[in-house]
Structure formats: structure tokens, C-alpha cells
């Protein structure tokens, strides 16, 4: 199943270090760490997340 992990570099709830762990658990997933972004990249970086999803689904 295609999987996309998106994370914010400035996430105070789930720090970016959690992305590294998630990558070990889902080694075939695509991932993206957004700079200057907090806990909700899907809201803070809507257009960029949409582009990543469209690429994943293509």
C-alpha cells in the first residue's frame, strides 16, 4: 500500500525525531520533512502536501 509520511520540522507534539523512527518501521514509505512547519503540515503547507500526494498517487 503506498504510504506517505509528512512531518513538520518544528512539531512540538511529535518531534521530527519520530519521523526517523517511522521510517524504520515503514521502510518502503515515502517521507517528507517540512522546514519551518509545526504539527499540522497538511494545514500549514496544504499545496505542498497536495503535490506530494498527487505524485504518490500518479
PDB file of N, CA and C in Angstrom:
ATOM      1  N   UNK A   1       0.846  -1.168   0.000  1.00  0.00           N
ATOM      2  CA  UNK A   1       0.000   0.000   0.000  1.00  0.00           C
ATOM      3  C   UNK A   1       0.898   1.239   0.000  1.00  0.00           C
ATOM      4  N   UNK A   2       0.699   2.165  -0.939  1.00  0.00           N
ATOM      5  CA  UNK A   2       1.502   3.381  -0.952  1.00  0.00           C
ATOM      6  C   UNK A   2       1.291   4.182   0.335  1.00  0.00           C
ATOM      7  N   UNK A   3       2.375   4.623   0.916  1.00  0.00           N
ATOM      8  CA  UNK A   3       2.305   5.359   2.175  1.00  0.00           C
ATOM      9  C   UNK A   3       3.176   6.594   2.085  1.00  0.00           C
ATOM     10  N   UNK A   4       2.655   7.722   2.582  1.00  0.00           N
ATOM     11  CA  UNK A   4       3.394   8.974   2.618  1.00  0.00           C
ATOM     12  C   UNK A   4       3.428   9.457   4.053  1.00  0.00           C
ATOM     13  N   UNK A   5       4.620   9.683   4.564  1.00  0.00           N
ATOM     14  CA  UNK A   5       4.812  10.252   5.896  1.00  0.00           C
ATOM     15  C   UNK A   5       5.193  11.712   5.731  1.00  0.00           C
ATOM     16  N   UNK A   6       4.418  12.611   6.310  1.00  0.00           N
ATOM     17  CA  UNK A   6       4.776  14.029   6.285  1.00  0.00           C
ATOM     18  C   UNK A   6       4.935  14.500   7.717  1.00  0.00           C
ATOM     19  N   UNK A   7       5.952  15.324   7.924  1.00  0.00           N
ATOM     20  CA  UNK A   7       6.278  15.776   9.274  1.00  0.00           C
ATOM     21  C   UNK A   7       6.711  17.215   9.234  1.00  0.00           C
ATOM     22  N   UNK A   8       6.499  17.899  10.323  1.00  0.00           N
ATOM     23  CA  UNK A   8       6.969  19.271  10.456  1.00  0.00           C
ATOM     24  C   UNK A   8       8.234  19.322  11.289  1.00  0.00           C
ATOM     25  N   UNK A   9       9.205  20.034  10.801  1.00  0.00           N
ATOM     26  CA  UNK A   9      10.484  20.173  11.493  1.00  0.00           C
ATOM     27  C   UNK A   9      10.312  20.788  12.887  1.00  0.00           C
ATOM     28  N   UNK A  10       9.314  21.624  13.044  1.00  0.00           N
ATOM     29  CA  UNK A  10       9.089  22.312  14.329  1.00  0.00           C
ATOM     30  C   UNK A  10       7.895  21.754  15.089  1.00  0.00           C
ATOM     31  N   UNK A  11       7.584  20.502  14.858  1.00  0.00           N
ATOM     32  CA  UNK A  11       6.475  19.844  15.550  1.00  0.00           C
ATOM     33  C   UNK A  11       6.841  19.689  17.022  1.00  0.00           C
ATOM     34  N   UNK A  12       6.072  20.309  17.899  1.00  0.00           N
ATOM     35  CA  UNK A  12       6.331  20.230  19.333  1.00  0.00           C
ATOM     36  C   UNK A  12       5.583  19.072  19.990  1.00  0.00           C
ATOM     37  N   UNK A  13       4.617  18.490  19.292  1.00  0.00           N
ATOM     38  CA  UNK A  13       3.838  17.381  19.843  1.00  0.00           C
ATOM     39  C   UNK A  13       4.532  16.053  19.532  1.00  0.00           C
ATOM     40  N   UNK A  14       4.897  15.854  18.275  1.00  0.00           N
ATOM     41  CA  UNK A  14       5.651  14.670  17.850  1.00  0.00           C
ATOM     42  C   UNK A  14       6.910  15.177  17.146  1.00  0.00           C
ATOM     43  N   UNK A  15       7.988  15.348  17.882  1.00  0.00           N
ATOM     44  CA  UNK A  15       9.207  15.917  17.303  1.00  0.00           C
ATOM     45  C   UNK A  15       9.676  15.164  16.060  1.00  0.00           C
ATOM     46  N   UNK A  16      10.430  15.869  15.244  1.00  0.00           N
ATOM     47  CA  UNK A  16      10.902  15.324  13.969  1.00  0.00           C
ATOM     48  C   UNK A  16      11.679  14.026  14.135  1.00  0.00           C
ATOM     49  N   UNK A  17      12.257  13.783  15.284  1.00  0.00           N
ATOM     50  CA  UNK A  17      12.971  12.522  15.525  1.00  0.00           C
ATOM     51  C   UNK A  17      12.044  11.324  15.366  1.00  0.00           C
ATOM     52  N   UNK A  18      10.762  11.532  15.572  1.00  0.00           N
ATOM     53  CA  UNK A  18       9.790  10.450  15.401  1.00  0.00           C
ATOM     54  C   UNK A  18       9.700  10.023  13.937  1.00  0.00           C
ATOM     55  N   UNK A  19       9.980  10.946  13.028  1.00  0.00           N
ATOM     56  CA  UNK A  19       9.964  10.580  11.613  1.00  0.00           C
ATOM     57  C   UNK A  19      11.042   9.544  11.323  1.00  0.00           C
ATOM     58  N   UNK A  20      12.198   9.707  11.902  1.00  0.00           N
ATOM     59  CA  UNK A  20      13.276   8.722  11.698  1.00  0.00           C
ATOM     60  C   UNK A  20      12.828   7.344  12.168  1.00  0.00           C
ATOM     61  N   UNK A  21      12.156   7.288  13.292  1.00  0.00           N
ATOM     62  CA  UNK A  21      11.647   6.007  13.787  1.00  0.00           C
ATOM     63  C   UNK A  21      10.578   5.452  12.841  1.00  0.00           C
ATOM     64  N   UNK A  22       9.677   6.311  12.398  1.00  0.00           N
ATOM     65  CA  UNK A  22       8.616   5.869  11.484  1.00  0.00           C
ATOM     66  C   UNK A  22       9.213   5.295  10.202  1.00  0.00           C
ATOM     67  N   UNK A  23      10.287   5.902   9.738  1.00  0.00           N
ATOM     68  CA  UNK A  23      10.950   5.396   8.528  1.00  0.00           C
ATOM     69  C   UNK A  23      11.501   3.985   8.741  1.00  0.00           C
ATOM     70  N   UNK A  24      11.961   3.677   9.942  1.00  0.00           N
ATOM     71  CA  UNK A  24      12.469   2.321  10.204  1.00  0.00           C
ATOM     72  C   UNK A  24      11.335   1.312  10.221  1.00  0.00           C
ATOM     73  N   UNK A  25      10.161   1.732  10.659  1.00  0.00           N
ATOM     74  CA  UNK A  25       9.012   0.834  10.744  1.00  0.00           C
ATOM     75  C   UNK A  25       8.287   0.687   9.406  1.00  0.00           C
ATOM     76  N   UNK A  26       8.420   1.698   8.550  1.00  0.00           N
ATOM     77  CA  UNK A  26       7.777   1.694   7.232  1.00  0.00           C
ATOM     78  C   UNK A  26       8.842   2.003   6.176  1.00  0.00           C
ATOM     79  N   UNK A  27       9.758   1.068   5.954  1.00  0.00           N
ATOM     80  CA  UNK A  27      10.917   1.357   5.105  1.00  0.00           C
ATOM     81  C   UNK A  27      10.585   1.637   3.638  1.00  0.00           C
ATOM     82  N   UNK A  28       9.408   1.234   3.178  1.00  0.00           N
ATOM     83  CA  UNK A  28       9.050   1.460   1.775  1.00  0.00           C
ATOM     84  C   UNK A  28       8.187   2.708   1.588  1.00  0.00           C
ATOM     85  N   UNK A  29       7.894   3.382   2.670  1.00  0.00           N
ATOM     86  CA  UNK A  29       7.074   4.590   2.600  1.00  0.00           C
ATOM     87  C   UNK A  29       7.902   5.761   2.088  1.00  0.00           C
ATOM     88  N   UNK A  30       7.235   6.648   1.402  1.00  0.00           N
ATOM     89  CA  UNK A  30       7.862   7.922   1.049  1.00  0.00           C
ATOM     90  C   UNK A  30       7.708   8.843   2.249  1.00  0.00           C
ATOM     91  N   UNK A  31       8.633   9.760   2.402  1.00  0.00           N
ATOM     92  CA  UNK A  31       8.534  10.680   3.533  1.00  0.00           C
ATOM     93  C   UNK A  31       9.026  12.064   3.133  1.00  0.00           C
ATOM     94  N   UNK A  32       8.539  13.048   3.856  1.00  0.00           N
ATOM     95  CA  UNK A  32       8.959  14.423   3.615  1.00  0.00           C
ATOM     96  C   UNK A  32       8.932  15.179   4.937  1.00  0.00           C
ATOM     97  N   UNK A  33      10.009  15.864   5.226  1.00  0.00           N
ATOM     98  CA  UNK A  33      10.114  16.706   6.418  1.00  0.00           C
ATOM     99  C   UNK A  33      10.021  18.155   5.956  1.00  0.00           C
ATOM    100  N   UNK A  34       8.986  18.863   6.399  1.00  0.00           N
ATOM    101  CA  UNK A  34       8.794  20.260   6.036  1.00  0.00           C
ATOM    102  C   UNK A  34       9.545  21.166   6.998  1.00  0.00           C
ATOM    103  N   UNK A  35      10.356  22.043   6.443  1.00  0.00           N
ATOM    104  CA  UNK A  35      11.072  23.028   7.259  1.00  0.00           C
ATOM    105  C   UNK A  35      10.091  24.090   7.741  1.00  0.00           C
ATOM    106  N   UNK A  36      10.376  24.679   8.895  1.00  0.00           N
ATOM    107  CA  UNK A  36       9.556  25.767   9.454  1.00  0.00           C
ATOM    108  C   UNK A  36       8.076  25.420   9.502  1.00  0.00           C
ATOM    109  N   UNK A  37       7.775  24.190   9.872  1.00  0.00           N
ATOM    110  CA  UNK A  37       6.395  23.705   9.927  1.00  0.00           C
ATOM    111  C   UNK A  37       6.182  22.978  11.240  1.00  0.00           C
ATOM    112  N   UNK A  38       4.999  23.158  11.808  1.00  0.00           N
ATOM    113  CA  UNK A  38       4.684  22.531  13.077  1.00  0.00           C
ATOM    114  C   UNK A  38       3.991  21.187  12.933  1.00  0.00           C
ATOM    115  N   UNK A  39       3.026  20.946  13.792  1.00  0.00           N
ATOM    116  CA  UNK A  39       2.381  19.645  13.920  1.00  0.00           C
ATOM    117  C   UNK A  39       1.403  19.304  12.787  1.00  0.00           C
ATOM    118  N   UNK A  40       0.969  20.293  12.017  1.00  0.00           N
ATOM    119  CA  UNK A  40      -0.066  20.026  11.015  1.00  0.00           C
ATOM    120  C   UNK A  40       0.354  20.471   9.619  1.00  0.00           C
ATOM    121  N   UNK A  41       1.304  19.762   9.013  1.00  0.00           N
ATOM    122  CA  UNK A  41       1.734  20.163   7.674  1.00  0.00           C
ATOM    123  C   UNK A  41       0.606  20.152   6.650  1.00  0.00           C
ATOM    124  N   UNK A  42      -0.386  19.298   6.830  1.00  0.00           N
ATOM    125  CA  UNK A  42      -1.495  19.234   5.884  1.00  0.00           C
ATOM    126  C   UNK A  42      -2.307  20.529   5.888  1.00  0.00           C
ATOM    127  N   UNK A  43      -2.219  21.297   6.959  1.00  0.00           N
ATOM    128  CA  UNK A  43      -2.909  22.591   7.041  1.00  0.00           C
ATOM    129  C   UNK A  43      -1.925  23.728   6.769  1.00  0.00           C
ATOM    130  N   UNK A  44      -0.731  23.626   7.339  1.00  0.00           N
ATOM    131  CA  UNK A  44       0.268  24.684   7.198  1.00  0.00           C
ATOM    132  C   UNK A  44       0.890  24.743   5.813  1.00  0.00           C
ATOM    133  N   UNK A  45       0.949  23.615   5.130  1.00  0.00           N
ATOM    134  CA  UNK A  45       1.583  23.524   3.802  1.00  0.00           C
ATOM    135  C   UNK A  45       0.675  22.764   2.839  1.00  0.00           C
ATOM    136  N   UNK A  46      -0.573  23.199   2.773  1.00  0.00           N
ATOM    137  CA  UNK A  46      -1.590  22.473   2.012  1.00  0.00           C
ATOM    138  C   UNK A  46      -1.171  22.180   0.575  1.00  0.00           C
ATOM    139  N   UNK A  47      -0.708  23.182  -0.136  1.00  0.00           N
ATOM    140  CA  UNK A  47      -0.361  22.994  -1.551  1.00  0.00           C
ATOM    141  C   UNK A  47       0.785  22.005  -1.712  1.00  0.00           C
ATOM    142  N   UNK A  48       1.776  22.094  -0.835  1.00  0.00           N
ATOM    143  CA  UNK A  48       2.918  21.188  -0.936  1.00  0.00           C
ATOM    144  C   UNK A  48       2.522  19.751  -0.620  1.00  0.00           C
ATOM    145  N   UNK A  49       1.677  19.568   0.401  1.00  0.00           N
ATOM    146  CA  UNK A  49       1.202  18.222   0.741  1.00  0.00           C
ATOM    147  C   UNK A  49       0.364  17.669  -0.409  1.00  0.00           C
ATOM    148  N   UNK A  50      -0.479  18.516  -0.994  1.00  0.00           N
ATOM    149  CA  UNK A  50      -1.274  18.074  -2.135  1.00  0.00           C
ATOM    150  C   UNK A  50      -0.376  17.605  -3.276  1.00  0.00           C
ATOM    151  N   UNK A  51       0.680  18.343  -3.566  1.00  0.00           N
ATOM    152  CA  UNK A  51       1.593  17.963  -4.645  1.00  0.00           C
ATOM    153  C   UNK A  51       2.255  16.622  -4.347  1.00  0.00           C
ATOM    154  N   UNK A  52       2.662  16.416  -3.100  1.00  0.00           N
ATOM    155  CA  UNK A  52       3.277  15.140  -2.725  1.00  0.00           C
ATOM    156  C   UNK A  52       2.285  13.990  -2.868  1.00  0.00           C
ATOM    157  N   UNK A  53       1.037  14.229  -2.478  1.00  0.00           N
ATOM    158  CA  UNK A  53       0.015  13.183  -2.606  1.00  0.00           C
ATOM    159  C   UNK A  53      -0.287  12.869  -4.064  1.00  0.00           C
ATOM    160  N   UNK A  54      -0.393  13.894  -4.891  1.00  0.00           N
ATOM    161  CA  UNK A  54      -0.655  13.656  -6.310  1.00  0.00           C
ATOM    162  C   UNK A  54       0.483  12.855  -6.942  1.00  0.00           C
ATOM    163  N   UNK A  55       1.708  13.159  -6.533  1.00  0.00           N
ATOM    164  CA  UNK A  55       2.866  12.406  -7.035  1.00  0.00           C
ATOM    165  C   UNK A  55       2.794  10.958  -6.570  1.00  0.00           C
ATOM    166  N   UNK A  56       2.422  10.751  -5.316  1.00  0.00           N
ATOM    167  CA  UNK A  56       2.309   9.401  -4.771  1.00  0.00           C
ATOM    168  C   UNK A  56       1.249   8.591  -5.499  1.00  0.00           C
ATOM    169  N   UNK A  57       0.125   9.226  -5.805  1.00  0.00           N
ATOM    170  CA  UNK A  57      -0.992   8.540  -6.430  1.00  0.00           C
ATOM    171  C   UNK A  57      -0.830   8.357  -7.937  1.00  0.00           C
ATOM    172  N   UNK A  58       0.106   9.087  -8.538  1.00  0.00           N
ATOM    173  CA  UNK A  58       0.278   9.030 -10.008  1.00  0.00           C
ATOM    174  C   UNK A  58       0.823   7.664 -10.442  1.00  0.00           C
TER     175      UNK A  58
END
